Amino acid sequence: MVPASRMGERTRGRTRRFLRVAAILVLAAATCFVAGFGWFSSHVSRLSPPADPEKADAIIVLTGGQSRLDAAMELLESGKGQRLLISGVHPAASRKQLQLAMGGDSKLFTCCVDIDRAALDTIGNAEESAKWVREHAYGSIILVTNNYHMPRSLLEMGRLLREARLEPYPVVNSKLDDGSWLTKPQALRVLFTEYNKYLVALARGVVPVRLQHGGVSVADASAGE
């Protein structure tokens, strides 16, 4: 028979090995998380809107700030798209209020702007936008949203849009491409929150929640060096 003391030593040895392996795995995961956050923050902070974007069939802007709406309206007015979808508009906001807030030409707004009030989040934006794109049979889309929000928006849109080309138009509210996001608490909070949401969106893609048909070609946004 094996003495109880030796059995205890073996048990303690296995426990120590397990704890060491667990600690290494946790440390590796934490390192990957931090490194990923650094890469994500650096990447999105360098995104900038193209100086002269190619024309597309239509434009989609995801609500979340006045600068997004202004940029989308300017693109429509300059003929970069035939029609504009504003996705995620608050149900209480009237069409007239939105037109006045955006300051665009009233005739252009009346003829060429559609409003989605159903979307409550980025997933909803993608779902409602996909319906709109399919309804009009558009093949190319300029997607307007903030630079930090662009990776997740492209990810969600790409899962639902079929045979459509997405042209990112990242709106920049604060210039952080010099690494200054590291010293600005508010910017860090926004980037950290968006990074975690992006990871969740990636995880959702591991086990698709719906059948995917076709694919999407995603163009690169301009990035400063």
Protein backbone atom coordinates (compact mmCIF):
# COMPACT_ATOMS: atom_id res chain seq x y z
CA MET A 1 0.00 0.00 0.00
CA VAL A 2 1.13 3.58 -0.75
CA PRO A 3 1.57 5.53 2.48
CA ALA A 4 -0.99 8.27 3.04
CA SER A 5 1.80 10.85 3.26
CA ARG A 6 3.07 9.96 -0.23
CA MET A 7 -0.46 10.08 -1.65
CA GLY A 8 -0.88 13.51 -0.07
CA GLU A 9 2.37 14.70 -1.63
CA ARG A 10 1.23 13.47 -5.06
CA THR A 11 -2.09 15.24 -4.68
CA ARG A 12 -0.39 18.45 -3.62
CA GLY A 13 2.05 18.13 -6.54
CA ARG A 14 -0.77 17.74 -9.06
CA THR A 15 -2.57 20.69 -7.51
CA ARG A 16 0.53 22.89 -7.77
CA ARG A 17 1.05 21.89 -11.41
CA PHE A 18 -2.58 22.62 -12.20
CA LEU A 19 -2.34 26.02 -10.52
CA ARG A 20 0.85 26.85 -12.41
CA VAL A 21 -0.73 25.93 -15.75
CA ALA A 22 -3.87 27.89 -14.88
CA ALA A 23 -1.79 30.91 -13.89
CA ILE A 24 0.16 30.74 -17.16
CA LEU A 25 -3.05 30.51 -19.17
CA VAL A 26 -4.61 33.44 -17.31
CA LEU A 27 -1.45 35.51 -17.79
CA ALA A 28 -1.34 34.62 -21.49
CA ALA A 29 -5.01 35.55 -21.92
CA ALA A 30 -4.50 38.85 -20.08
CA THR A 31 -1.45 39.63 -22.21
CA CYS A 32 -3.39 38.93 -25.42
CA PHE A 33 -6.29 41.06 -24.19
CA VAL A 34 -4.06 44.03 -23.38
CA ALA A 35 -2.08 43.68 -26.61
CA GLY A 36 -5.31 43.44 -28.58
CA PHE A 37 -6.66 46.56 -26.92
CA GLY A 38 -3.46 48.42 -27.80
CA TRP A 39 -3.68 47.31 -31.43
CA PHE A 40 -7.40 48.12 -31.66
CA SER A 41 -6.99 51.59 -30.15
CA SER A 42 -4.01 52.42 -32.32
CA HIS A 43 -5.79 51.17 -35.43
CA VAL A 44 -9.07 53.05 -35.00
CA SER A 45 -7.34 56.25 -33.87
CA ARG A 46 -5.50 56.32 -37.23
CA LEU A 47 -8.65 55.86 -39.32
CA SER A 48 -9.74 58.95 -41.22
CA PRO A 49 -12.32 59.65 -43.92
CA PRO A 50 -11.08 59.39 -47.51
CA ALA A 51 -10.54 62.79 -49.08
CA ASP A 52 -12.49 61.86 -52.20
CA PRO A 53 -14.49 58.66 -51.68
CA GLU A 54 -15.63 56.72 -54.71
CA LYS A 55 -19.26 57.00 -55.69
CA ALA A 56 -21.54 54.27 -54.37
CA ASP A 57 -25.12 53.28 -54.97
CA ALA A 58 -26.19 54.55 -51.57
CA ILE A 59 -25.08 55.83 -48.17
CA ILE A 60 -25.90 54.49 -44.71
CA VAL A 61 -25.22 56.47 -41.56
CA LEU A 62 -25.57 55.02 -38.06
CA THR A 63 -26.88 57.57 -35.59
CA GLY A 64 -24.81 58.46 -32.56
CA GLY A 65 -23.61 62.01 -33.09
CA GLN A 66 -24.26 65.15 -35.11
CA SER A 67 -20.94 64.88 -36.93
CA ARG A 68 -21.98 61.53 -38.43
CA LEU A 69 -25.21 63.00 -39.77
CA ASP A 70 -23.45 66.07 -41.17
CA ALA A 71 -20.86 63.92 -42.94
CA ALA A 72 -23.54 61.67 -44.46
CA MET A 73 -25.58 64.62 -45.71
CA GLU A 74 -22.50 66.19 -47.28
CA LEU A 75 -21.80 62.93 -49.11
CA LEU A 76 -25.37 62.82 -50.43
CA GLU A 77 -25.28 66.48 -51.50
CA SER A 78 -21.99 65.92 -53.34
CA GLY A 79 -23.50 63.02 -55.31
CA LYS A 80 -21.50 60.23 -53.67
CA GLY A 81 -24.65 58.14 -53.34
CA GLN A 82 -28.13 58.10 -54.85
CA ARG A 83 -29.94 57.70 -51.54
CA LEU A 84 -29.27 57.92 -47.80
CA LEU A 85 -30.52 55.73 -44.96
CA ILE A 86 -30.32 57.14 -41.44
CA SER A 87 -30.42 54.10 -39.17
CA GLY A 88 -31.33 54.19 -35.49
CA VAL A 89 -33.32 57.43 -35.33
CA HIS A 90 -35.17 57.98 -32.05
CA PRO A 91 -38.91 57.26 -32.53
CA ALA A 92 -39.82 60.68 -31.09
CA ALA A 93 -37.76 62.57 -33.66
CA SER A 94 -39.86 63.78 -36.56
CA ARG A 95 -38.64 63.90 -40.13
CA LYS A 96 -38.81 67.70 -40.11
CA GLN A 97 -36.76 67.94 -36.91
CA LEU A 98 -34.14 65.67 -38.39
CA GLN A 99 -33.97 67.65 -41.60
CA LEU A 100 -33.52 70.92 -39.69
CA ALA A 101 -30.85 69.39 -37.45
CA MET A 102 -28.90 68.16 -40.46
CA GLY A 103 -29.32 71.42 -42.32
CA GLY A 104 -29.56 69.77 -45.69
CA ASP A 105 -31.57 70.86 -48.70
CA SER A 106 -35.23 70.16 -47.96
CA LYS A 107 -35.99 68.91 -51.49
CA LEU A 108 -33.04 66.52 -51.42
CA PHE A 109 -34.04 65.34 -47.96
CA THR A 110 -37.61 64.71 -49.11
CA CYS A 111 -36.70 62.76 -52.22
CA CYS A 112 -33.61 60.87 -51.20
CA VAL A 113 -33.46 60.24 -47.44
CA ASP A 114 -34.99 57.24 -45.67
CA ILE A 115 -35.29 56.95 -41.89
CA ASP A 116 -35.03 53.77 -39.81
CA ARG A 117 -36.49 54.05 -36.33
CA ALA A 118 -36.51 50.32 -35.52
CA ALA A 119 -32.79 49.78 -34.82
CA LEU A 120 -31.77 50.10 -31.17
CA ASP A 121 -28.13 49.02 -31.41
CA THR A 122 -25.44 48.10 -33.94
CA ILE A 123 -26.94 44.66 -34.56
CA GLY A 124 -30.29 46.32 -35.25
CA ASN A 125 -28.57 48.82 -37.54
CA ALA A 126 -27.17 45.93 -39.55
CA GLU A 127 -30.50 44.10 -39.73
CA GLU A 128 -32.51 47.14 -40.83
CA SER A 129 -29.80 48.28 -43.24
CA ALA A 130 -29.66 44.84 -44.85
CA LYS A 131 -33.42 44.96 -45.47
CA TRP A 132 -33.06 48.40 -47.06
CA VAL A 133 -30.14 47.35 -49.26
CA ARG A 134 -31.97 44.23 -50.47
CA GLU A 135 -35.15 46.19 -51.13
CA HIS A 136 -33.31 48.62 -53.42
CA ALA A 137 -30.85 46.05 -54.83
CA TYR A 138 -27.85 48.23 -54.05
CA GLY A 139 -24.43 46.82 -54.82
CA SER A 140 -22.19 49.37 -53.11
CA ILE A 141 -22.63 51.29 -49.87
CA ILE A 142 -20.74 54.09 -48.13
CA LEU A 143 -20.98 53.36 -44.40
CA VAL A 144 -20.72 56.40 -42.13
CA THR A 145 -20.02 56.11 -38.41
CA ASN A 146 -17.31 57.15 -35.94
CA ASN A 147 -13.82 55.74 -36.42
CA TYR A 148 -13.88 53.78 -33.13
CA HIS A 149 -17.25 52.26 -34.10
CA MET A 150 -16.28 51.31 -37.65
CA PRO A 151 -14.70 47.83 -37.06
CA ARG A 152 -17.76 46.50 -35.24
CA SER A 153 -20.15 48.13 -37.70
CA LEU A 154 -18.38 46.52 -40.65
CA LEU A 155 -18.39 43.18 -38.86
CA GLU A 156 -22.13 43.24 -38.17
CA MET A 157 -23.01 44.63 -41.60
CA GLY A 158 -20.82 42.09 -43.36
CA ARG A 159 -22.72 39.21 -41.78
CA LEU A 160 -26.01 40.26 -43.30
CA LEU A 161 -25.34 42.14 -46.51
CA ARG A 162 -24.95 39.91 -49.53
CA GLU A 163 -22.91 40.78 -52.57
CA ALA A 164 -22.56 44.38 -51.45
CA ARG A 165 -19.39 46.42 -51.24
CA LEU A 166 -18.93 48.47 -48.07
CA GLU A 167 -16.90 51.65 -48.34
CA PRO A 168 -16.01 52.81 -44.80
CA TYR A 169 -16.28 56.53 -44.10
CA PRO A 170 -14.98 56.87 -40.53
CA VAL A 171 -15.87 60.17 -38.84
CA VAL A 172 -13.22 61.58 -36.49
CA ASN A 173 -14.35 63.74 -33.55
CA SER A 174 -10.96 63.93 -31.80
CA LYS A 175 -7.53 63.51 -33.36
CA LEU A 176 -5.83 60.74 -31.40
CA ASP A 177 -3.51 59.31 -34.05
CA ASP A 178 -0.47 60.59 -32.14
CA GLY A 179 -1.16 58.14 -29.30
CA SER A 180 -2.75 60.76 -27.07
CA TRP A 181 -5.63 58.37 -26.32
CA LEU A 182 -3.30 56.86 -23.71
CA THR A 183 -3.40 60.07 -21.66
CA LYS A 184 -7.08 60.95 -22.08
CA PRO A 185 -9.36 59.11 -19.62
CA GLN A 186 -12.53 59.77 -21.62
CA ALA A 187 -10.97 58.46 -24.83
CA LEU A 188 -9.65 55.41 -22.98
CA ARG A 189 -13.13 54.65 -21.61
CA VAL A 190 -14.73 54.92 -25.05
CA LEU A 191 -12.06 52.78 -26.70
CA PHE A 192 -12.08 50.18 -23.93
CA THR A 193 -15.87 49.87 -24.06
CA GLU A 194 -15.89 49.59 -27.84
CA TYR A 195 -13.05 47.05 -27.79
CA ASN A 196 -15.02 44.78 -25.47
CA LYS A 197 -18.11 45.11 -27.67
CA TYR A 198 -15.99 44.25 -30.69
CA LEU A 199 -14.70 41.11 -28.95
CA VAL A 200 -18.28 40.07 -28.15
CA ALA A 201 -19.23 40.63 -31.79
CA LEU A 202 -16.31 38.45 -32.88
CA ALA A 203 -17.36 35.74 -30.42
CA ARG A 204 -20.90 35.80 -31.82
CA GLY A 205 -19.43 35.02 -35.22
CA VAL A 206 -17.86 31.77 -33.97
CA VAL A 207 -21.32 30.21 -33.70
CA PRO A 208 -23.45 31.97 -36.34
CA VAL A 209 -26.96 32.81 -35.19
CA ARG A 210 -28.31 32.73 -38.74
CA LEU A 211 -27.43 31.17 -42.07
CA GLN A 212 -25.05 33.27 -44.12
CA HIS A 213 -25.69 33.69 -47.83
CA GLY A 214 -23.06 35.10 -50.10
CA GLY A 215 -20.39 37.45 -48.88
CA VAL A 216 -19.33 41.06 -48.64
CA SER A 217 -16.31 42.86 -50.02
CA VAL A 218 -14.96 45.37 -47.51
CA ALA A 219 -12.72 48.22 -48.64
CA ASP A 220 -10.06 49.64 -46.33
CA ALA A 221 -10.62 53.02 -44.75
CA SER A 222 -7.83 55.55 -45.09
CA ALA A 223 -5.35 55.38 -42.24
CA GLY A 224 -2.75 57.93 -41.42
CA GLU A 225 0.81 56.74 -41.02
